[in-house]
Amino acid sequence: MELEQFIRPSNLKPYTGNCKAKDYRNIQEGLLVPPVPIGKRAVAFVAREIAAVQQARIQGKPEAEIKKLVLQLVEQRAAGAQ
């Protein structure tokens, strides 16, 4: 089992290039994976999921495909928890 790396919301900008508000808008629009809880009052993003979304953007994938990718990543996350 490989240990997941986390990115705290305050450290996400170098990965996405967006301000925190834009990242959370992208989450609401299904264009970015939501963070996971890592404590009672703390959340973080899974680094490999952020990398997958950014790779899709680099490849020029349309928003519809990025939304599908985000859904797949969230479903995989849920399936892995079982």
N, C-alpha and C. Protein backbone atom coordinates (compact mmCIF):
# COMPACT_ATOMS: atom_id res chain seq x y z
N MET A 1 0.84 -1.19 0.00
CA MET A 1 0.00 0.00 0.00
C MET A 1 0.88 1.25 0.00
N GLU A 2 0.63 2.12 -0.94
CA GLU A 2 1.41 3.34 -1.05
C GLU A 2 0.74 4.46 -0.26
N LEU A 3 1.54 5.21 0.45
CA LEU A 3 1.03 6.30 1.25
C LEU A 3 0.66 7.48 0.36
N GLU A 4 -0.56 8.02 0.53
CA GLU A 4 -1.02 9.17 -0.25
C GLU A 4 -0.36 10.45 0.26
N GLN A 5 -0.09 11.35 -0.64
CA GLN A 5 0.42 12.65 -0.26
C GLN A 5 -0.74 13.64 -0.30
N PHE A 6 -0.75 14.55 0.65
CA PHE A 6 -1.81 15.54 0.75
C PHE A 6 -1.28 16.93 0.47
N ILE A 7 -2.18 17.77 -0.04
CA ILE A 7 -1.88 19.18 -0.27
C ILE A 7 -2.92 19.97 0.51
N ARG A 8 -2.49 20.77 1.44
CA ARG A 8 -3.41 21.59 2.21
C ARG A 8 -3.94 22.71 1.31
N PRO A 9 -5.18 23.17 1.55
CA PRO A 9 -5.77 24.22 0.71
C PRO A 9 -4.89 25.46 0.58
N SER A 10 -4.20 25.83 1.65
CA SER A 10 -3.34 27.02 1.60
C SER A 10 -2.12 26.82 0.70
N ASN A 11 -1.80 25.58 0.36
CA ASN A 11 -0.65 25.28 -0.49
C ASN A 11 -1.04 24.81 -1.89
N LEU A 12 -2.30 24.96 -2.27
CA LEU A 12 -2.79 24.45 -3.56
C LEU A 12 -2.43 25.35 -4.74
N LYS A 13 -2.27 26.65 -4.50
CA LYS A 13 -2.05 27.60 -5.60
C LYS A 13 -0.90 27.22 -6.54
N PRO A 14 0.25 26.76 -6.07
CA PRO A 14 1.31 26.38 -7.02
C PRO A 14 0.91 25.24 -7.96
N TYR A 15 -0.05 24.44 -7.56
CA TYR A 15 -0.48 23.31 -8.38
C TYR A 15 -1.55 23.70 -9.38
N THR A 16 -2.45 24.57 -9.00
CA THR A 16 -3.56 24.94 -9.89
C THR A 16 -3.36 26.29 -10.56
N GLY A 17 -2.59 27.16 -9.91
CA GLY A 17 -2.41 28.51 -10.43
C GLY A 17 -3.57 29.43 -10.09
N ASN A 18 -4.51 28.95 -9.30
CA ASN A 18 -5.70 29.72 -8.96
C ASN A 18 -5.67 30.19 -7.51
N CYS A 19 -6.46 31.22 -7.25
CA CYS A 19 -6.65 31.62 -5.86
C CYS A 19 -7.60 30.60 -5.21
N LYS A 20 -7.66 30.62 -3.89
CA LYS A 20 -8.48 29.66 -3.16
C LYS A 20 -9.96 29.74 -3.58
N ALA A 21 -10.46 30.96 -3.80
CA ALA A 21 -11.87 31.12 -4.19
C ALA A 21 -12.14 30.45 -5.53
N LYS A 22 -11.24 30.61 -6.49
CA LYS A 22 -11.42 29.98 -7.81
C LYS A 22 -11.36 28.46 -7.71
N ASP A 23 -10.44 27.95 -6.87
CA ASP A 23 -10.38 26.50 -6.68
C ASP A 23 -11.70 25.97 -6.14
N TYR A 24 -12.27 26.66 -5.16
CA TYR A 24 -13.54 26.18 -4.59
C TYR A 24 -14.70 26.35 -5.56
N ARG A 25 -14.65 27.36 -6.44
CA ARG A 25 -15.66 27.46 -7.51
C ARG A 25 -15.52 26.28 -8.46
N ASN A 26 -14.28 25.93 -8.78
CA ASN A 26 -14.06 24.78 -9.66
C ASN A 26 -14.57 23.48 -9.03
N ILE A 27 -14.43 23.36 -7.72
CA ILE A 27 -14.98 22.18 -7.03
C ILE A 27 -16.49 22.17 -7.19
N GLN A 28 -17.14 23.29 -6.96
CA GLN A 28 -18.60 23.37 -7.08
C GLN A 28 -19.06 23.05 -8.50
N GLU A 29 -18.26 23.42 -9.49
CA GLU A 29 -18.62 23.18 -10.89
C GLU A 29 -18.20 21.79 -11.37
N GLY A 30 -17.55 21.02 -10.51
CA GLY A 30 -17.12 19.68 -10.89
C GLY A 30 -15.84 19.63 -11.69
N LEU A 31 -15.06 20.71 -11.64
CA LEU A 31 -13.82 20.78 -12.41
C LEU A 31 -12.57 20.53 -11.57
N LEU A 32 -12.76 20.27 -10.29
CA LEU A 32 -11.65 19.97 -9.40
C LEU A 32 -12.16 19.04 -8.30
N VAL A 33 -11.34 18.09 -7.92
CA VAL A 33 -11.74 17.15 -6.87
C VAL A 33 -11.86 17.87 -5.54
N PRO A 34 -12.84 17.50 -4.73
CA PRO A 34 -12.98 18.13 -3.42
C PRO A 34 -11.92 17.59 -2.46
N PRO A 35 -11.63 18.34 -1.42
CA PRO A 35 -10.67 17.85 -0.43
C PRO A 35 -11.27 16.75 0.42
N VAL A 36 -10.40 16.04 1.13
CA VAL A 36 -10.82 14.99 2.04
C VAL A 36 -10.55 15.44 3.48
N PRO A 37 -11.36 14.98 4.42
CA PRO A 37 -11.08 15.33 5.81
C PRO A 37 -9.83 14.59 6.30
N ILE A 38 -8.97 15.31 7.01
CA ILE A 38 -7.77 14.69 7.57
C ILE A 38 -7.71 14.88 9.08
N GLY A 39 -8.75 15.47 9.61
CA GLY A 39 -8.84 15.71 11.04
C GLY A 39 -10.21 16.26 11.36
N LYS A 40 -10.43 16.60 12.62
CA LYS A 40 -11.74 17.14 13.01
C LYS A 40 -12.09 18.42 12.26
N ARG A 41 -11.10 19.28 12.08
CA ARG A 41 -11.36 20.57 11.44
C ARG A 41 -10.37 20.87 10.31
N ALA A 42 -9.84 19.82 9.72
CA ALA A 42 -8.83 20.00 8.68
C ALA A 42 -9.15 19.17 7.45
N VAL A 43 -8.87 19.73 6.29
CA VAL A 43 -9.04 19.03 5.02
C VAL A 43 -7.77 19.17 4.20
N ALA A 44 -7.64 18.29 3.21
CA ALA A 44 -6.50 18.37 2.29
C ALA A 44 -6.92 17.73 0.97
N PHE A 45 -6.21 18.09 -0.06
CA PHE A 45 -6.43 17.51 -1.38
C PHE A 45 -5.47 16.34 -1.57
N VAL A 46 -5.91 15.32 -2.29
CA VAL A 46 -5.05 14.18 -2.58
C VAL A 46 -4.19 14.57 -3.77
N ALA A 47 -2.88 14.54 -3.58
CA ALA A 47 -1.94 15.04 -4.59
C ALA A 47 -2.09 14.36 -5.95
N ARG A 48 -2.26 13.02 -5.96
CA ARG A 48 -2.36 12.32 -7.26
C ARG A 48 -3.63 12.70 -8.00
N GLU A 49 -4.71 13.03 -7.26
CA GLU A 49 -5.95 13.46 -7.91
C GLU A 49 -5.78 14.84 -8.54
N ILE A 50 -5.13 15.73 -7.82
CA ILE A 50 -4.87 17.07 -8.37
C ILE A 50 -3.99 16.94 -9.60
N ALA A 51 -2.97 16.08 -9.54
CA ALA A 51 -2.08 15.87 -10.68
C ALA A 51 -2.84 15.32 -11.89
N ALA A 52 -3.78 14.42 -11.66
CA ALA A 52 -4.55 13.85 -12.77
C ALA A 52 -5.40 14.92 -13.46
N VAL A 53 -6.02 15.78 -12.67
CA VAL A 53 -6.84 16.85 -13.24
C VAL A 53 -5.95 17.83 -14.00
N GLN A 54 -4.82 18.19 -13.42
CA GLN A 54 -3.92 19.13 -14.10
C GLN A 54 -3.36 18.52 -15.39
N GLN A 55 -3.08 17.23 -15.39
CA GLN A 55 -2.60 16.57 -16.61
C GLN A 55 -3.67 16.63 -17.70
N ALA A 56 -4.93 16.45 -17.32
CA ALA A 56 -6.02 16.55 -18.30
C ALA A 56 -6.09 17.97 -18.88
N ARG A 57 -5.88 18.96 -18.04
CA ARG A 57 -5.88 20.35 -18.52
C ARG A 57 -4.72 20.58 -19.48
N ILE A 58 -3.54 20.07 -19.14
CA ILE A 58 -2.36 20.22 -19.99
C ILE A 58 -2.60 19.58 -21.35
N GLN A 59 -3.31 18.45 -21.35
CA GLN A 59 -3.61 17.75 -22.60
C GLN A 59 -4.72 18.43 -23.40
N GLY A 60 -5.29 19.50 -22.84
CA GLY A 60 -6.31 20.24 -23.56
C GLY A 60 -7.68 19.60 -23.55
N LYS A 61 -7.94 18.75 -22.58
CA LYS A 61 -9.25 18.09 -22.50
C LYS A 61 -10.34 19.13 -22.27
N PRO A 62 -11.50 18.95 -22.90
CA PRO A 62 -12.61 19.88 -22.67
C PRO A 62 -13.17 19.72 -21.26
N GLU A 63 -13.89 20.74 -20.82
CA GLU A 63 -14.44 20.73 -19.46
C GLU A 63 -15.31 19.51 -19.20
N ALA A 64 -16.06 19.06 -20.19
CA ALA A 64 -16.92 17.89 -20.00
C ALA A 64 -16.09 16.65 -19.63
N GLU A 65 -14.94 16.49 -20.26
CA GLU A 65 -14.09 15.33 -19.95
C GLU A 65 -13.44 15.49 -18.58
N ILE A 66 -13.09 16.71 -18.22
CA ILE A 66 -12.51 16.95 -16.90
C ILE A 66 -13.54 16.65 -15.82
N LYS A 67 -14.79 17.03 -16.05
CA LYS A 67 -15.85 16.72 -15.09
C LYS A 67 -16.02 15.21 -14.92
N LYS A 68 -15.95 14.46 -16.02
CA LYS A 68 -16.03 13.00 -15.95
C LYS A 68 -14.86 12.44 -15.15
N LEU A 69 -13.68 12.97 -15.39
CA LEU A 69 -12.49 12.53 -14.67
C LEU A 69 -12.65 12.78 -13.17
N VAL A 70 -13.12 13.97 -12.82
CA VAL A 70 -13.32 14.30 -11.41
C VAL A 70 -14.31 13.33 -10.78
N LEU A 71 -15.40 13.03 -11.46
CA LEU A 71 -16.36 12.06 -10.94
C LEU A 71 -15.73 10.69 -10.74
N GLN A 72 -14.93 10.26 -11.71
CA GLN A 72 -14.26 8.97 -11.60
C GLN A 72 -13.32 8.94 -10.40
N LEU A 73 -12.57 10.01 -10.21
CA LEU A 73 -11.63 10.07 -9.08
C LEU A 73 -12.36 10.01 -7.75
N VAL A 74 -13.48 10.71 -7.65
CA VAL A 74 -14.26 10.71 -6.41
C VAL A 74 -14.87 9.33 -6.18
N GLU A 75 -15.34 8.67 -7.25
CA GLU A 75 -15.89 7.31 -7.13
C GLU A 75 -14.80 6.33 -6.71
N GLN A 76 -13.60 6.45 -7.27
CA GLN A 76 -12.49 5.57 -6.90
C GLN A 76 -12.14 5.77 -5.42
N ARG A 77 -12.19 7.00 -4.99
CA ARG A 77 -11.92 7.33 -3.59
C ARG A 77 -12.90 6.60 -2.70
N ALA A 78 -14.19 6.64 -3.06
CA ALA A 78 -15.23 6.00 -2.27
C ALA A 78 -15.08 4.48 -2.31
N ALA A 79 -14.75 3.94 -3.47
CA ALA A 79 -14.59 2.49 -3.60
C ALA A 79 -13.40 2.00 -2.80
N GLY A 80 -12.36 2.78 -2.73
CA GLY A 80 -11.17 2.39 -1.97
C GLY A 80 -11.39 2.41 -0.47
N ALA A 81 -12.39 3.15 -0.03
CA ALA A 81 -12.67 3.25 1.40
C ALA A 81 -13.44 2.05 1.92
N GLN A 82 -13.98 1.24 1.02
CA GLN A 82 -14.79 0.08 1.45
C GLN A 82 -13.95 -1.13 1.74
